[in-house]
Amino acid sequence: MPDKYIQPSTSSSELRQLALDHNWDDGFAIPRLIADHPNCDLAVALELFWLADADTVYLGEARESPRNAQWRQFSKELADRIIGGHYSTGMVPFEPPLTAVQIYNLRKKGLPEIFLTSLAACGPNNSFKPNPLRGSA
């Protein structure tokens, strides 16, 4: 049962590690539990977004198929939550797993800046704060 690893006291750092350790071929039960967890902060949500290749869905580059319906649904819901401000910035920083060229190309395609900007840790219940050491264009 996936929820045996995710308890109410699971920290955002632990949630992030669970996301990093997850085998995505095993489905979306664990990623959904992580995304729905009250301690899931913006850094964890962004980690899930990139691990799930959700940018492909957001940008409309994913083919619709019954085989990828769960992935598309998870990706859309996660992107909507991130853009909608559902997640607050927490104690864990985040660096998008992208090169400068990838960021440039994704920006040109219209991916919102929140997905492309690194986050500095700033404490619980704060809103999105870009990392000042890595500017955004």
N, C-alpha and C. Protein backbone atom coordinates (compact mmCIF):
# COMPACT_ATOMS: atom_id res chain seq x y z
N MET A 1 0.84 -1.18 0.00
CA MET A 1 0.00 0.00 0.00
C MET A 1 0.89 1.24 0.00
N PRO A 2 0.74 2.14 -0.97
CA PRO A 2 1.62 3.28 -1.10
C PRO A 2 1.61 4.22 0.09
N ASP A 3 0.46 4.38 0.75
CA ASP A 3 0.39 5.37 1.83
C ASP A 3 1.12 4.94 3.09
N LYS A 4 1.65 3.72 3.15
CA LYS A 4 2.42 3.32 4.34
C LYS A 4 3.72 4.11 4.44
N TYR A 5 4.19 4.67 3.32
CA TYR A 5 5.41 5.46 3.32
C TYR A 5 5.15 6.93 3.58
N ILE A 6 3.90 7.34 3.45
CA ILE A 6 3.56 8.75 3.57
C ILE A 6 2.59 8.93 4.72
N GLN A 7 3.09 9.47 5.79
CA GLN A 7 2.31 9.70 7.00
C GLN A 7 1.98 11.19 7.13
N PRO A 8 1.06 11.56 7.99
CA PRO A 8 0.76 12.98 8.19
C PRO A 8 1.98 13.80 8.60
N SER A 9 2.94 13.17 9.26
CA SER A 9 4.12 13.88 9.73
C SER A 9 5.27 13.89 8.71
N THR A 10 5.07 13.31 7.54
CA THR A 10 6.12 13.29 6.53
C THR A 10 6.46 14.72 6.11
N SER A 11 7.75 15.06 6.18
CA SER A 11 8.19 16.42 5.87
C SER A 11 8.28 16.64 4.36
N SER A 12 8.39 17.89 3.95
CA SER A 12 8.53 18.19 2.53
C SER A 12 9.82 17.60 1.98
N SER A 13 10.88 17.58 2.76
CA SER A 13 12.14 16.96 2.32
C SER A 13 11.95 15.47 2.08
N GLU A 14 11.22 14.82 2.97
CA GLU A 14 10.95 13.39 2.81
C GLU A 14 10.04 13.14 1.61
N LEU A 15 9.05 14.01 1.41
CA LEU A 15 8.17 13.88 0.24
C LEU A 15 8.97 14.02 -1.05
N ARG A 16 9.87 14.96 -1.06
CA ARG A 16 10.71 15.16 -2.25
C ARG A 16 11.55 13.92 -2.52
N GLN A 17 12.12 13.34 -1.48
CA GLN A 17 12.94 12.14 -1.67
C GLN A 17 12.09 10.98 -2.17
N LEU A 18 10.87 10.86 -1.66
CA LEU A 18 9.96 9.81 -2.17
C LEU A 18 9.66 10.02 -3.66
N ALA A 19 9.49 11.27 -4.05
CA ALA A 19 9.24 11.57 -5.46
C ALA A 19 10.45 11.19 -6.31
N LEU A 20 11.63 11.53 -5.81
CA LEU A 20 12.86 11.21 -6.55
C LEU A 20 13.09 9.71 -6.65
N ASP A 21 12.70 8.98 -5.63
CA ASP A 21 12.91 7.53 -5.60
C ASP A 21 11.82 6.74 -6.32
N HIS A 22 10.71 7.40 -6.64
CA HIS A 22 9.56 6.70 -7.23
C HIS A 22 9.88 6.18 -8.63
N ASN A 23 9.46 4.96 -8.89
CA ASN A 23 9.55 4.37 -10.24
C ASN A 23 8.24 4.71 -10.94
N TRP A 24 8.32 5.60 -11.91
CA TRP A 24 7.11 6.10 -12.57
C TRP A 24 6.38 5.03 -13.37
N ASP A 25 7.03 3.92 -13.63
CA ASP A 25 6.34 2.79 -14.27
C ASP A 25 5.34 2.13 -13.32
N ASP A 26 5.44 2.45 -12.02
CA ASP A 26 4.53 1.90 -11.02
C ASP A 26 3.23 2.69 -10.90
N GLY A 27 3.08 3.71 -11.71
CA GLY A 27 1.83 4.46 -11.71
C GLY A 27 1.89 5.75 -10.91
N PHE A 28 0.70 6.29 -10.64
CA PHE A 28 0.60 7.63 -10.08
C PHE A 28 0.04 7.68 -8.67
N ALA A 29 -0.12 6.53 -8.03
CA ALA A 29 -0.68 6.53 -6.67
C ALA A 29 0.21 7.30 -5.71
N ILE A 30 1.50 7.00 -5.72
CA ILE A 30 2.42 7.70 -4.80
C ILE A 30 2.57 9.17 -5.18
N PRO A 31 2.80 9.51 -6.46
CA PRO A 31 2.86 10.93 -6.79
C PRO A 31 1.60 11.70 -6.41
N ARG A 32 0.43 11.09 -6.54
CA ARG A 32 -0.81 11.77 -6.14
C ARG A 32 -0.85 12.00 -4.62
N LEU A 33 -0.43 10.98 -3.87
CA LEU A 33 -0.38 11.14 -2.41
C LEU A 33 0.59 12.26 -2.02
N ILE A 34 1.70 12.32 -2.71
CA ILE A 34 2.68 13.38 -2.43
C ILE A 34 2.08 14.74 -2.77
N ALA A 35 1.50 14.88 -3.95
CA ALA A 35 0.93 16.16 -4.39
C ALA A 35 -0.22 16.62 -3.50
N ASP A 36 -0.95 15.67 -2.92
CA ASP A 36 -2.10 15.99 -2.07
C ASP A 36 -1.72 16.19 -0.60
N HIS A 37 -0.49 15.87 -0.25
CA HIS A 37 -0.07 15.93 1.15
C HIS A 37 0.01 17.38 1.63
N PRO A 38 -0.44 17.66 2.86
CA PRO A 38 -0.40 19.04 3.36
C PRO A 38 1.01 19.62 3.46
N ASN A 39 2.03 18.78 3.54
CA ASN A 39 3.40 19.27 3.61
C ASN A 39 4.08 19.35 2.24
N CYS A 40 3.32 19.11 1.17
CA CYS A 40 3.87 19.25 -0.17
C CYS A 40 3.97 20.74 -0.47
N ASP A 41 5.20 21.22 -0.61
CA ASP A 41 5.39 22.63 -0.90
C ASP A 41 5.69 22.82 -2.40
N LEU A 42 5.95 24.05 -2.79
CA LEU A 42 6.16 24.35 -4.20
C LEU A 42 7.36 23.61 -4.77
N ALA A 43 8.44 23.49 -4.01
CA ALA A 43 9.63 22.77 -4.50
C ALA A 43 9.30 21.31 -4.80
N VAL A 44 8.55 20.68 -3.93
CA VAL A 44 8.17 19.27 -4.14
C VAL A 44 7.24 19.17 -5.35
N ALA A 45 6.28 20.07 -5.46
CA ALA A 45 5.35 20.06 -6.58
C ALA A 45 6.10 20.26 -7.91
N LEU A 46 7.06 21.17 -7.92
CA LEU A 46 7.85 21.39 -9.13
C LEU A 46 8.71 20.17 -9.46
N GLU A 47 9.23 19.53 -8.43
CA GLU A 47 10.00 18.30 -8.65
C GLU A 47 9.11 17.25 -9.30
N LEU A 48 7.89 17.09 -8.78
CA LEU A 48 6.94 16.15 -9.38
C LEU A 48 6.64 16.52 -10.83
N PHE A 49 6.45 17.82 -11.09
CA PHE A 49 6.14 18.30 -12.43
C PHE A 49 7.22 17.87 -13.42
N TRP A 50 8.47 18.09 -13.06
CA TRP A 50 9.56 17.75 -13.99
C TRP A 50 9.80 16.25 -14.05
N LEU A 51 9.67 15.55 -12.94
CA LEU A 51 9.85 14.10 -12.96
C LEU A 51 8.78 13.42 -13.83
N ALA A 52 7.59 13.99 -13.83
CA ALA A 52 6.48 13.43 -14.61
C ALA A 52 6.51 13.87 -16.08
N ASP A 53 7.46 14.71 -16.45
CA ASP A 53 7.48 15.28 -17.81
C ASP A 53 6.17 15.98 -18.12
N ALA A 54 5.63 16.66 -17.12
CA ALA A 54 4.33 17.31 -17.24
C ALA A 54 4.36 18.51 -18.19
N ASP A 55 5.54 19.02 -18.48
CA ASP A 55 5.63 20.13 -19.44
C ASP A 55 5.10 19.70 -20.81
N THR A 56 5.28 18.45 -21.16
CA THR A 56 4.80 17.92 -22.44
C THR A 56 3.28 18.02 -22.51
N VAL A 57 2.63 17.70 -21.42
CA VAL A 57 1.17 17.79 -21.36
C VAL A 57 0.74 19.25 -21.37
N TYR A 58 1.37 20.06 -20.53
CA TYR A 58 0.99 21.47 -20.43
C TYR A 58 1.10 22.18 -21.78
N LEU A 59 2.15 21.86 -22.52
CA LEU A 59 2.38 22.52 -23.80
C LEU A 59 1.59 21.90 -24.95
N GLY A 60 0.78 20.89 -24.64
CA GLY A 60 -0.06 20.26 -25.65
C GLY A 60 0.70 19.35 -26.61
N GLU A 61 1.85 18.88 -26.18
CA GLU A 61 2.69 18.03 -27.04
C GLU A 61 2.47 16.53 -26.79
N ALA A 62 1.59 16.20 -25.86
CA ALA A 62 1.33 14.79 -25.54
C ALA A 62 0.15 14.29 -26.36
N ARG A 63 0.33 13.17 -27.01
CA ARG A 63 -0.77 12.57 -27.75
C ARG A 63 -1.77 11.98 -26.78
N GLU A 64 -3.04 12.16 -27.12
CA GLU A 64 -4.08 11.57 -26.28
C GLU A 64 -4.22 10.11 -26.60
N SER A 65 -4.22 9.32 -25.53
CA SER A 65 -4.33 7.88 -25.67
C SER A 65 -4.86 7.32 -24.35
N PRO A 66 -5.64 6.25 -24.39
CA PRO A 66 -6.07 5.63 -23.14
C PRO A 66 -4.89 5.17 -22.29
N ARG A 67 -3.78 4.85 -22.94
CA ARG A 67 -2.60 4.37 -22.21
C ARG A 67 -1.95 5.46 -21.37
N ASN A 68 -2.12 6.73 -21.75
CA ASN A 68 -1.46 7.79 -20.99
C ASN A 68 -2.45 8.73 -20.29
N ALA A 69 -3.70 8.29 -20.16
CA ALA A 69 -4.74 9.15 -19.57
C ALA A 69 -4.42 9.54 -18.14
N GLN A 70 -3.93 8.61 -17.32
CA GLN A 70 -3.59 8.94 -15.92
C GLN A 70 -2.46 9.95 -15.86
N TRP A 71 -1.46 9.78 -16.70
CA TRP A 71 -0.34 10.72 -16.74
C TRP A 71 -0.81 12.11 -17.14
N ARG A 72 -1.62 12.18 -18.20
CA ARG A 72 -2.11 13.47 -18.66
C ARG A 72 -2.95 14.15 -17.58
N GLN A 73 -3.81 13.39 -16.91
CA GLN A 73 -4.66 13.95 -15.87
C GLN A 73 -3.81 14.45 -14.69
N PHE A 74 -2.87 13.62 -14.23
CA PHE A 74 -1.99 14.02 -13.13
C PHE A 74 -1.21 15.28 -13.50
N SER A 75 -0.66 15.30 -14.70
CA SER A 75 0.15 16.44 -15.15
C SER A 75 -0.66 17.72 -15.21
N LYS A 76 -1.88 17.63 -15.75
CA LYS A 76 -2.74 18.81 -15.85
C LYS A 76 -3.14 19.32 -14.48
N GLU A 77 -3.57 18.42 -13.61
CA GLU A 77 -3.98 18.84 -12.27
C GLU A 77 -2.82 19.46 -11.50
N LEU A 78 -1.64 18.87 -11.61
CA LEU A 78 -0.47 19.40 -10.91
C LEU A 78 -0.10 20.77 -11.45
N ALA A 79 -0.05 20.92 -12.76
CA ALA A 79 0.27 22.23 -13.36
C ALA A 79 -0.75 23.29 -12.93
N ASP A 80 -2.03 22.94 -12.95
CA ASP A 80 -3.08 23.88 -12.55
C ASP A 80 -2.90 24.32 -11.10
N ARG A 81 -2.56 23.38 -10.23
CA ARG A 81 -2.33 23.72 -8.83
C ARG A 81 -1.12 24.63 -8.66
N ILE A 82 -0.05 24.32 -9.36
CA ILE A 82 1.16 25.14 -9.25
C ILE A 82 0.87 26.55 -9.73
N ILE A 83 0.27 26.69 -10.90
CA ILE A 83 -0.04 28.00 -11.45
C ILE A 83 -1.04 28.74 -10.57
N GLY A 84 -1.97 28.00 -10.00
CA GLY A 84 -3.01 28.61 -9.17
C GLY A 84 -2.56 29.00 -7.77
N GLY A 85 -1.31 28.73 -7.42
CA GLY A 85 -0.80 29.13 -6.11
C GLY A 85 -1.18 28.20 -4.98
N HIS A 86 -1.53 26.97 -5.29
CA HIS A 86 -1.93 26.00 -4.27
C HIS A 86 -0.80 25.68 -3.30
N TYR A 87 0.43 25.69 -3.78
CA TYR A 87 1.59 25.30 -2.96
C TYR A 87 2.37 26.53 -2.52
N SER A 88 2.78 26.52 -1.26
CA SER A 88 3.60 27.62 -0.75
C SER A 88 5.08 27.25 -0.82
N THR A 89 5.91 28.26 -0.81
CA THR A 89 7.35 28.03 -0.81
C THR A 89 7.76 27.60 0.58
N GLY A 90 8.59 26.58 0.66
CA GLY A 90 8.99 26.04 1.96
C GLY A 90 10.48 26.17 2.22
N MET A 91 10.97 25.26 3.01
CA MET A 91 12.36 25.31 3.46
C MET A 91 13.34 24.70 2.45
N VAL A 92 12.83 24.01 1.46
CA VAL A 92 13.70 23.32 0.50
C VAL A 92 13.79 24.15 -0.78
N PRO A 93 15.01 24.46 -1.23
CA PRO A 93 15.13 25.18 -2.49
C PRO A 93 14.85 24.25 -3.67
N PHE A 94 14.68 24.84 -4.84
CA PHE A 94 14.44 24.04 -6.04
C PHE A 94 15.19 24.66 -7.21
N GLU A 95 15.81 23.81 -7.99
CA GLU A 95 16.50 24.22 -9.21
C GLU A 95 15.93 23.39 -10.37
N PRO A 96 15.32 24.04 -11.37
CA PRO A 96 14.78 23.26 -12.48
C PRO A 96 15.89 22.43 -13.15
N PRO A 97 15.59 21.20 -13.52
CA PRO A 97 16.60 20.33 -14.13
C PRO A 97 16.78 20.64 -15.62
N LEU A 98 17.11 21.90 -15.92
CA LEU A 98 17.15 22.36 -17.30
C LEU A 98 18.41 23.16 -17.58
N THR A 99 18.86 23.09 -18.80
CA THR A 99 19.96 23.94 -19.24
C THR A 99 19.40 25.31 -19.62
N ALA A 100 20.28 26.28 -19.80
CA ALA A 100 19.85 27.61 -20.21
C ALA A 100 19.14 27.57 -21.57
N VAL A 101 19.60 26.73 -22.46
CA VAL A 101 18.97 26.59 -23.78
C VAL A 101 17.58 25.99 -23.64
N GLN A 102 17.42 24.98 -22.80
CA GLN A 102 16.10 24.39 -22.58
C GLN A 102 15.14 25.41 -21.99
N ILE A 103 15.62 26.19 -21.03
CA ILE A 103 14.78 27.23 -20.43
C ILE A 103 14.34 28.23 -21.50
N TYR A 104 15.27 28.66 -22.33
CA TYR A 104 14.97 29.61 -23.40
C TYR A 104 13.89 29.04 -24.33
N ASN A 105 14.07 27.79 -24.75
CA ASN A 105 13.11 27.17 -25.68
C ASN A 105 11.74 26.97 -25.04
N LEU A 106 11.71 26.56 -23.78
CA LEU A 106 10.42 26.37 -23.09
C LEU A 106 9.74 27.71 -22.86
N ARG A 107 10.50 28.74 -22.59
CA ARG A 107 9.94 30.08 -22.43
C ARG A 107 9.30 30.53 -23.74
N LYS A 108 9.99 30.28 -24.85
CA LYS A 108 9.45 30.64 -26.17
C LYS A 108 8.16 29.89 -26.48
N LYS A 109 8.04 28.65 -26.00
CA LYS A 109 6.84 27.84 -26.23
C LYS A 109 5.68 28.28 -25.33
N GLY A 110 5.97 29.11 -24.32
CA GLY A 110 4.92 29.61 -23.46
C GLY A 110 4.77 28.95 -22.11
N LEU A 111 5.76 28.18 -21.70
CA LEU A 111 5.69 27.57 -20.37
C LEU A 111 5.81 28.69 -19.32
N PRO A 112 4.89 28.77 -18.37
CA PRO A 112 4.94 29.84 -17.37
C PRO A 112 6.25 29.88 -16.58
N GLU A 113 6.63 31.05 -16.22
CA GLU A 113 7.91 31.31 -15.55
C GLU A 113 8.07 30.51 -14.25
N ILE A 114 6.98 30.25 -13.56
CA ILE A 114 7.08 29.54 -12.29
C ILE A 114 7.74 28.17 -12.46
N PHE A 115 7.61 27.56 -13.64
CA PHE A 115 8.21 26.26 -13.88
C PHE A 115 9.69 26.36 -14.25
N LEU A 116 10.14 27.55 -14.60
CA LEU A 116 11.49 27.74 -15.14
C LEU A 116 12.45 28.44 -14.19
N THR A 117 11.96 28.90 -13.07
CA THR A 117 12.75 29.69 -12.15
C THR A 117 13.12 28.89 -10.92
N SER A 118 14.36 29.02 -10.50
CA SER A 118 14.78 28.32 -9.28
C SER A 118 14.19 29.04 -8.08
N LEU A 119 14.02 28.29 -6.99
CA LEU A 119 13.45 28.83 -5.76
C LEU A 119 14.49 28.83 -4.66
N ALA A 120 14.53 29.92 -3.94
CA ALA A 120 15.33 29.97 -2.73
C ALA A 120 14.44 29.52 -1.58
N ALA A 121 15.01 28.80 -0.63
CA ALA A 121 14.23 28.41 0.55
C ALA A 121 13.91 29.68 1.34
N CYS A 122 12.68 29.76 1.82
CA CYS A 122 12.33 30.98 2.55
C CYS A 122 11.42 30.74 3.73
N GLY A 123 11.11 29.52 4.05
CA GLY A 123 10.27 29.26 5.21
C GLY A 123 8.85 28.94 4.81
N PRO A 124 8.11 28.32 5.72
CA PRO A 124 6.75 27.89 5.40
C PRO A 124 5.79 29.06 5.21
N ASN A 125 4.73 28.78 4.46
CA ASN A 125 3.62 29.71 4.24
C ASN A 125 4.02 30.99 3.52
N ASN A 126 5.07 30.95 2.75
CA ASN A 126 5.43 32.09 1.92
C ASN A 126 5.09 31.78 0.49
N SER A 127 4.97 32.80 -0.31
CA SER A 127 4.62 32.59 -1.71
C SER A 127 5.88 32.44 -2.56
N PHE A 128 5.67 32.21 -3.83
CA PHE A 128 6.74 31.99 -4.79
C PHE A 128 7.77 33.11 -4.72
N LYS A 129 9.03 32.76 -4.51
CA LYS A 129 10.11 33.74 -4.50
C LYS A 129 11.24 33.19 -5.37
N PRO A 130 11.50 33.85 -6.50
CA PRO A 130 12.60 33.37 -7.33
C PRO A 130 13.92 33.49 -6.60
N ASN A 131 14.83 32.60 -6.93
CA ASN A 131 16.16 32.65 -6.37
C ASN A 131 16.89 33.82 -7.01
N PRO A 132 17.37 34.79 -6.22
CA PRO A 132 18.02 35.98 -6.79
C PRO A 132 19.37 35.65 -7.43
N LEU A 133 19.93 34.49 -7.12
CA LEU A 133 21.21 34.12 -7.70
C LEU A 133 21.06 33.60 -9.13
N ARG A 134 19.82 33.28 -9.52
CA ARG A 134 19.58 32.81 -10.88
C ARG A 134 18.43 33.61 -11.44
N GLY A 135 18.73 34.58 -12.19
CA GLY A 135 17.72 35.48 -12.71
C GLY A 135 16.83 34.82 -13.73
N SER A 136 15.72 35.47 -13.96
CA SER A 136 14.80 35.02 -15.01
C SER A 136 14.67 36.13 -16.01
N ALA A 137 14.51 35.76 -17.26
CA ALA A 137 14.43 36.76 -18.32
C ALA A 137 13.02 37.21 -18.56
